[in-house]
Every structure is written in structure tokens, then in C-alpha cells.
C-alpha atoms as a PDB file:
ATOM      1  CA  MET A   1      95.551  95.901 109.812  1.00  0.00           C
ATOM      2  CA  GLY A   2      97.309  93.008 107.962  1.00  0.00           C
ATOM      3  CA  ASN A   3     100.952  92.476 107.575  1.00  0.00           C
ATOM      4  CA  ARG A   4     103.027  95.317 106.258  1.00  0.00           C
ATOM      5  CA  LEU A   5     105.527  94.610 103.403  1.00  0.00           C
ATOM      6  CA  SER A   6     109.051  94.624 104.830  1.00  0.00           C
ATOM      7  CA  LYS A   7     110.425  93.152 101.594  1.00  0.00           C
ATOM      8  CA  ILE A   8     109.099  94.207  98.181  1.00  0.00           C
ATOM      9  CA  TYR A   9     110.005  91.180  96.194  1.00  0.00           C
ATOM     10  CA  THR A  10     108.865  87.694  97.037  1.00  0.00           C
ATOM     11  CA  ARG A  11     109.470  85.635  93.874  1.00  0.00           C
ATOM     12  CA  THR A  12     106.209  84.078  94.305  1.00  0.00           C
ATOM     13  CA  GLY A  13     104.870  85.646  91.099  1.00  0.00           C
ATOM     14  CA  ASP A  14     107.775  84.429  88.973  1.00  0.00           C
ATOM     15  CA  ASP A  15     105.512  81.726  87.663  1.00  0.00           C
ATOM     16  CA  GLY A  16     102.948  84.233  86.241  1.00  0.00           C
ATOM     17  CA  SER A  17     100.659  84.009  89.157  1.00  0.00           C
ATOM     18  CA  THR A  18      99.759  86.572  91.883  1.00  0.00           C
ATOM     19  CA  GLY A  19      98.164  86.455  95.305  1.00  0.00           C
ATOM     20  CA  LEU A  20      94.695  87.643  95.928  1.00  0.00           C
ATOM     21  CA  GLY A  21      93.585  89.320  99.127  1.00  0.00           C
ATOM     22  CA  ASP A  22      91.936  86.125 100.368  1.00  0.00           C
ATOM     23  CA  GLY A  23      95.194  84.070 100.046  1.00  0.00           C
ATOM     24  CA  SER A  24      94.262  82.354  96.735  1.00  0.00           C
ATOM     25  CA  ARG A  25      96.359  82.602  93.705  1.00  0.00           C
ATOM     26  CA  THR A  26      95.373  83.440  90.171  1.00  0.00           C
ATOM     27  CA  GLY A  27      97.100  84.273  86.927  1.00  0.00           C
ATOM     28  CA  LYS A  28      98.531  87.833  86.435  1.00  0.00           C
ATOM     29  CA  ASP A  29      96.551  88.019  83.190  1.00  0.00           C
ATOM     30  CA  SER A  30      93.151  87.086  84.808  1.00  0.00           C
ATOM     31  CA  ALA A  31      90.166  89.374  84.415  1.00  0.00           C
ATOM     32  CA  ARG A  32      90.238  90.082  88.197  1.00  0.00           C
ATOM     33  CA  VAL A  33      93.821  91.263  88.059  1.00  0.00           C
ATOM     34  CA  ASP A  34      92.952  93.372  84.963  1.00  0.00           C
ATOM     35  CA  ALA A  35      90.133  94.939  86.848  1.00  0.00           C
ATOM     36  CA  TYR A  36      91.971  95.867  90.076  1.00  0.00           C
ATOM     37  CA  GLY A  37      95.112  96.665  88.234  1.00  0.00           C
ATOM     38  CA  THR A  38      93.345  99.225  86.021  1.00  0.00           C
ATOM     39  CA  VAL A  39      91.734 100.632  89.284  1.00  0.00           C
ATOM     40  CA  ASP A  40      95.260 101.136  90.639  1.00  0.00           C
ATOM     41  CA  GLU A  41      96.260 102.829  87.272  1.00  0.00           C
ATOM     42  CA  ALA A  42      93.314 105.186  87.425  1.00  0.00           C
ATOM     43  CA  ASN A  43      94.216 106.020  90.969  1.00  0.00           C
ATOM     44  CA  SER A  44      97.845 106.841  89.869  1.00  0.00           C
ATOM     45  CA  THR A  45      96.425 109.072  87.026  1.00  0.00           C
ATOM     46  CA  ILE A  46      94.269 110.905  89.676  1.00  0.00           C
ATOM     47  CA  GLY A  47      97.583 111.394  91.586  1.00  0.00           C
ATOM     48  CA  LEU A  48      98.915 113.009  88.519  1.00  0.00           C
ATOM     49  CA  VAL A  49      95.963 115.424  88.386  1.00  0.00           C
ATOM     50  CA  LEU A  50      96.766 116.133  92.125  1.00  0.00           C
ATOM     51  CA  ALA A  51     100.306 117.070  91.113  1.00  0.00           C
ATOM     52  CA  SER A  52      98.711 120.142  89.262  1.00  0.00           C
ATOM     53  CA  GLU A  53      97.673 123.492  90.862  1.00  0.00           C
ATOM     54  CA  LEU A  54      93.961 122.770  91.712  1.00  0.00           C
ATOM     55  CA  PRO A  55      91.169 124.636  93.434  1.00  0.00           C
ATOM     56  CA  ALA A  56      90.996 123.494  97.113  1.00  0.00           C
ATOM     57  CA  LEU A  57      87.548 121.774  96.736  1.00  0.00           C
ATOM     58  CA  VAL A  58      88.687 119.741  93.742  1.00  0.00           C
ATOM     59  CA  HIS A  59      91.986 118.798  95.469  1.00  0.00           C
ATOM     60  CA  ASP A  60      90.026 117.527  98.683  1.00  0.00           C
ATOM     61  CA  GLN A  61      87.524 115.639  96.534  1.00  0.00           C
ATOM     62  CA  LEU A  62      90.316 113.959  94.447  1.00  0.00           C
ATOM     63  CA  VAL A  63      92.169 112.979  97.640  1.00  0.00           C
ATOM     64  CA  ALA A  64      89.012 111.349  99.053  1.00  0.00           C
ATOM     65  CA  ILE A  65      88.468 109.636  95.731  1.00  0.00           C
ATOM     66  CA  GLN A  66      92.068 108.143  95.845  1.00  0.00           C
ATOM     67  CA  HIS A  67      91.290 106.623  99.205  1.00  0.00           C
ATOM     68  CA  GLN A  68      87.989 105.104  97.846  1.00  0.00           C
ATOM     69  CA  MET A  69      89.816 103.914  94.719  1.00  0.00           C
ATOM     70  CA  PHE A  70      92.180 101.926  97.081  1.00  0.00           C
ATOM     71  CA  ASP A  71      89.061 100.491  98.792  1.00  0.00           C
ATOM     72  CA  LEU A  72      87.637  99.609  95.443  1.00  0.00           C
ATOM     73  CA  GLY A  73      90.824  97.852  94.325  1.00  0.00           C
ATOM     74  CA  ALA A  74      90.749  95.836  97.643  1.00  0.00           C
ATOM     75  CA  GLU A  75      87.227  94.939  96.933  1.00  0.00           C
ATOM     76  CA  LEU A  76      88.120  93.616  93.501  1.00  0.00           C
ATOM     77  CA  CYS A  77      91.195  91.848  94.910  1.00  0.00           C
ATOM     78  CA  ILE A  78      89.345  90.025  97.639  1.00  0.00           C
ATOM     79  CA  PRO A  79      86.499  87.972  96.169  1.00  0.00           C
ATOM     80  CA  GLY A  80      83.471  88.471  98.156  1.00  0.00           C
ATOM     81  CA  HIS A  81      84.736  91.621  99.934  1.00  0.00           C
ATOM     82  CA  ALA A  82      82.498  94.854 100.150  1.00  0.00           C
ATOM     83  CA  ALA A  83      84.181  98.297 100.268  1.00  0.00           C
ATOM     84  CA  ILE A  84      82.116 100.554  98.024  1.00  0.00           C
ATOM     85  CA  PHE A  85      78.594 101.371  99.043  1.00  0.00           C
ATOM     86  CA  ASP A  86      75.561 103.314  97.807  1.00  0.00           C
ATOM     87  CA  ALA A  87      76.524 106.156  99.973  1.00  0.00           C
ATOM     88  CA  ASP A  88      79.867 106.537  98.241  1.00  0.00           C
ATOM     89  CA  ILE A  89      78.149 106.755  94.826  1.00  0.00           C
ATOM     90  CA  ASP A  90      75.662 109.250  96.188  1.00  0.00           C
ATOM     91  CA  ARG A  91      78.518 111.502  97.322  1.00  0.00           C
ATOM     92  CA  LEU A  92      80.017 111.309  93.858  1.00  0.00           C
ATOM     93  CA  GLU A  93      76.661 112.375  92.410  1.00  0.00           C
ATOM     94  CA  GLN A  94      76.396 115.228  94.911  1.00  0.00           C
ATOM     95  CA  TRP A  95      79.832 116.478  93.953  1.00  0.00           C
ATOM     96  CA  LEU A  96      79.073 116.076  90.175  1.00  0.00           C
ATOM     97  CA  ASP A  97      75.842 118.055  90.581  1.00  0.00           C
ATOM     98  CA  GLY A  98      77.622 120.855  92.551  1.00  0.00           C
ATOM     99  CA  HIS A  99      80.287 121.281  89.809  1.00  0.00           C
ATOM    100  CA  ASN A 100      77.934 120.882  87.048  1.00  0.00           C
ATOM    101  CA  ASP A 101      75.437 123.475  88.277  1.00  0.00           C
ATOM    102  CA  ASP A 102      78.026 126.269  87.737  1.00  0.00           C
ATOM    103  CA  LEU A 103      78.903 125.146  84.130  1.00  0.00           C
ATOM    104  CA  PRO A 104      77.061 126.140  80.947  1.00  0.00           C
ATOM    105  CA  ALA A 105      75.214 123.541  79.089  1.00  0.00           C
ATOM    106  CA  LEU A 106      77.243 121.459  76.647  1.00  0.00           C
ATOM    107  CA  LYS A 107      76.433 122.225  72.988  1.00  0.00           C
ATOM    108  CA  GLU A 108      79.574 120.744  71.352  1.00  0.00           C
ATOM    109  CA  PHE A 109      81.855 117.840  72.184  1.00  0.00           C
ATOM    110  CA  ILE A 110      84.846 118.800  74.212  1.00  0.00           C
ATOM    111  CA  LEU A 111      88.365 117.657  73.317  1.00  0.00           C
ATOM    112  CA  PRO A 112      90.674 116.363  75.986  1.00  0.00           C
ATOM    113  CA  ALA A 113      92.511 119.780  76.466  1.00  0.00           C
ATOM    114  CA  GLY A 114      92.077 123.029  78.379  1.00  0.00           C
ATOM    115  CA  GLY A 115      95.292 123.336  80.102  1.00  0.00           C
ATOM    116  CA  GLU A 116      97.589 120.820  82.015  1.00  0.00           C
ATOM    117  CA  ALA A 117      95.319 120.006  84.968  1.00  0.00           C
ATOM    118  CA  ALA A 118      92.318 119.647  82.623  1.00  0.00           C
ATOM    119  CA  ALA A 119      94.212 117.395  80.337  1.00  0.00           C
ATOM    120  CA  ARG A 120      95.436 115.286  83.163  1.00  0.00           C
ATOM    121  CA  CYS A 121      91.936 114.953  84.454  1.00  0.00           C
ATOM    122  CA  HIS A 122      90.749 113.721  80.960  1.00  0.00           C
ATOM    123  CA  ILE A 123      93.402 111.088  81.010  1.00  0.00           C
ATOM    124  CA  ALA A 124      92.269 109.977  84.417  1.00  0.00           C
ATOM    125  CA  ARG A 125      88.522 109.866  83.114  1.00  0.00           C
ATOM    126  CA  THR A 126      89.551 107.669  80.240  1.00  0.00           C
ATOM    127  CA  VAL A 127      91.567 105.232  82.435  1.00  0.00           C
ATOM    128  CA  VAL A 128      88.558 105.175  84.804  1.00  0.00           C
ATOM    129  CA  ARG A 129      86.335 104.111  81.906  1.00  0.00           C
ATOM    130  CA  ARG A 130      88.779 101.415  81.007  1.00  0.00           C
ATOM    131  CA  ALA A 131      88.700 100.203  84.653  1.00  0.00           C
ATOM    132  CA  GLU A 132      84.865 100.128  84.277  1.00  0.00           C
ATOM    133  CA  ARG A 133      84.962  97.989  81.214  1.00  0.00           C
ATOM    134  CA  GLU A 134      87.413  95.665  82.716  1.00  0.00           C
ATOM    135  CA  THR A 135      85.204  95.447  85.957  1.00  0.00           C
ATOM    136  CA  VAL A 136      82.251  94.698  83.676  1.00  0.00           C
ATOM    137  CA  ALA A 137      84.236  91.957  81.851  1.00  0.00           C
ATOM    138  CA  LEU A 138      85.096  90.425  85.364  1.00  0.00           C
ATOM    139  CA  SER A 139      81.378  90.550  86.324  1.00  0.00           C
ATOM    140  CA  ARG A 140      80.511  88.314  83.333  1.00  0.00           C
ATOM    141  CA  LEU A 141      82.983  85.659  84.731  1.00  0.00           C
ATOM    142  CA  GLU A 142      82.844  85.956  88.498  1.00  0.00           C
ATOM    143  CA  SER A 143      80.621  87.749  91.015  1.00  0.00           C
ATOM    144  CA  VAL A 144      81.227  91.468  91.149  1.00  0.00           C
ATOM    145  CA  ARG A 145      79.037  93.728  93.310  1.00  0.00           C
ATOM    146  CA  PRO A 146      77.099  96.245  91.122  1.00  0.00           C
ATOM    147  CA  GLU A 147      78.269  99.111  93.371  1.00  0.00           C
ATOM    148  CA  ALA A 148      81.763  98.704  91.939  1.00  0.00           C
ATOM    149  CA  VAL A 149      80.681  99.269  88.352  1.00  0.00           C
ATOM    150  CA  ARG A 150      78.266 102.082  89.308  1.00  0.00           C
ATOM    151  CA  TYR A 151      81.156 103.804  91.226  1.00  0.00           C
ATOM    152  CA  LEU A 152      83.497 103.796  88.369  1.00  0.00           C
ATOM    153  CA  ASN A 153      80.664 104.892  85.938  1.00  0.00           C
ATOM    154  CA  ARG A 154      79.850 107.957  88.108  1.00  0.00           C
ATOM    155  CA  LEU A 155      83.486 108.676  88.800  1.00  0.00           C
ATOM    156  CA  SER A 156      84.220 109.030  85.117  1.00  0.00           C
ATOM    157  CA  ASP A 157      81.359 111.345  84.690  1.00  0.00           C
ATOM    158  CA  LEU A 158      82.656 113.414  87.582  1.00  0.00           C
ATOM    159  CA  LEU A 159      86.160 113.545  86.124  1.00  0.00           C
ATOM    160  CA  PHE A 160      84.699 114.898  82.932  1.00  0.00           C
ATOM    161  CA  VAL A 161      82.879 117.680  84.782  1.00  0.00           C
ATOM    162  CA  ILE A 162      85.990 118.379  86.921  1.00  0.00           C
ATOM    163  CA  ALA A 163      88.088 118.598  83.716  1.00  0.00           C
ATOM    164  CA  ARG A 164      85.568 121.254  82.461  1.00  0.00           C
ATOM    165  CA  VAL A 165      85.883 123.050  85.815  1.00  0.00           C
ATOM    166  CA  LEU A 166      89.704 122.971  85.571  1.00  0.00           C
ATOM    167  CA  ALA A 167      89.769 124.115  81.939  1.00  0.00           C
ATOM    168  CA  ARG A 168      87.832 127.235  82.935  1.00  0.00           C
ATOM    169  CA  ALA A 169      89.689 127.904  86.292  1.00  0.00           C
ATOM    170  CA  SER A 170      93.023 127.800  84.373  1.00  0.00           C
ATOM    171  CA  GLY A 171      91.991 130.450  81.933  1.00  0.00           C
ATOM    172  CA  HIS A 172      92.605 128.038  78.913  1.00  0.00           C
ATOM    173  CA  GLY A 173      88.883 127.326  78.581  1.00  0.00           C
ATOM    174  CA  GLU A 174      87.313 124.349  77.037  1.00  0.00           C
ATOM    175  CA  VAL A 175      88.361 123.195  73.501  1.00  0.00           C
ATOM    176  CA  THR A 176      85.430 122.125  71.392  1.00  0.00           C
ATOM    177  CA  TRP A 177      85.528 119.682  68.586  1.00  0.00           C
ATOM    178  CA  ASN A 178      85.303 121.494  65.217  1.00  0.00           C
ATOM    179  CA  HIS A 179      83.253 119.030  63.231  1.00  0.00           C
ATOM    180  CA  GLU A 180      82.993 121.504  60.376  1.00  0.00           C
ATOM    181  CA  ARG A 181      86.901 121.734  59.744  1.00  0.00           C
ATOM    182  CA  ARG A 182      86.803 119.450  56.801  1.00  0.00           C
ATOM    183  CA  LYS A 183      83.989 121.139  54.816  1.00  0.00           C
ATOM    184  CA  GLY A 184      84.839 123.546  52.214  1.00  0.00           C
END
């Protein structure tokens, strides 16, 4: 394991740059920093979901995802580093299928609501989508492994399905978009 931080401030970023995991420096406004910073933000929003009362299976899956999000952030912070693999994406798909099998088919759009835990999960889903967009933007400028983008894409899908599960588990139920509210 690398060095642990004993002092939080270093003053090295006062010039608007930050250190990457390989020791190089880049601007704090670079596409790479945007991508791994938003992955960190997404991980924090998953922590907010975990602060809610959750079914044990969902809790355990989200904790595992937080660890993988930290791995993904490291992959994006260290050019050339690999930390997310096909097996990680396959696991998300298995979880997604497992949760989705118990849900009714969607016939309407769902609003980001359905109780506190579900609403928090919707926030996490949208931040993961932003992390995905920023990782794609980075991939247009620098080398990014496709597994990183695929992981974020699948994770946002999983968070949507988990939000549905949480809305139902809370008793609030899903809130559907009323597209006919303006007619009449």
C-alpha cells in the first residue's frame, strides 16, 4: 500500500494543479480530474443511500459498489491503470437481473421519488450518469479502458432498478409521470 496521508493539506495544488496517481500533475479543471472527481461524487451519493434504512441485500450490494467505485476512481486517476474488469460488469448485470425479475414491467416513466431511500438512489443514478458522460468525454481526449464506461453505464441502470425496489419496499410506491395532466 502506498503512503498514507498524515497531513491533509500540502499546498501543492494552490497553483490550480493536482497530482495524478502516477506522480504527474495536471490542471484541476482537466477532463481526467472531472471524470474521477465525479466518480468520487457518485460514490458519496451512494453513501447517502446507505445512510437510509435498506434491505440487507441492497445494502451489501451498495457497499461492494462503493469499493469498486473507489477502484474506478483510481483507474481514472492513474493513466494506464486497470481496476475494473468484465467480471465486475457481469456482477452488476446479475444483480440488475435479480432485482428486475421481481418488478412489474414499466408502462410509464417514473419520477425520481418514492420515499427517501428511493429518491436518494435516483440522485446517485443521475450523478453516475454524469460520471459516465465525463468519462466518455475524457476517452475522446486520452486513453480510457472501455470497461470504465461500461461499468458506469450498467451501474446507473442498476441504481434505477434499485430505486424502484426501494420505492416499493418503503410502501411509498413508484411515482409515475402524468403526461396527461395538462390536457383538458
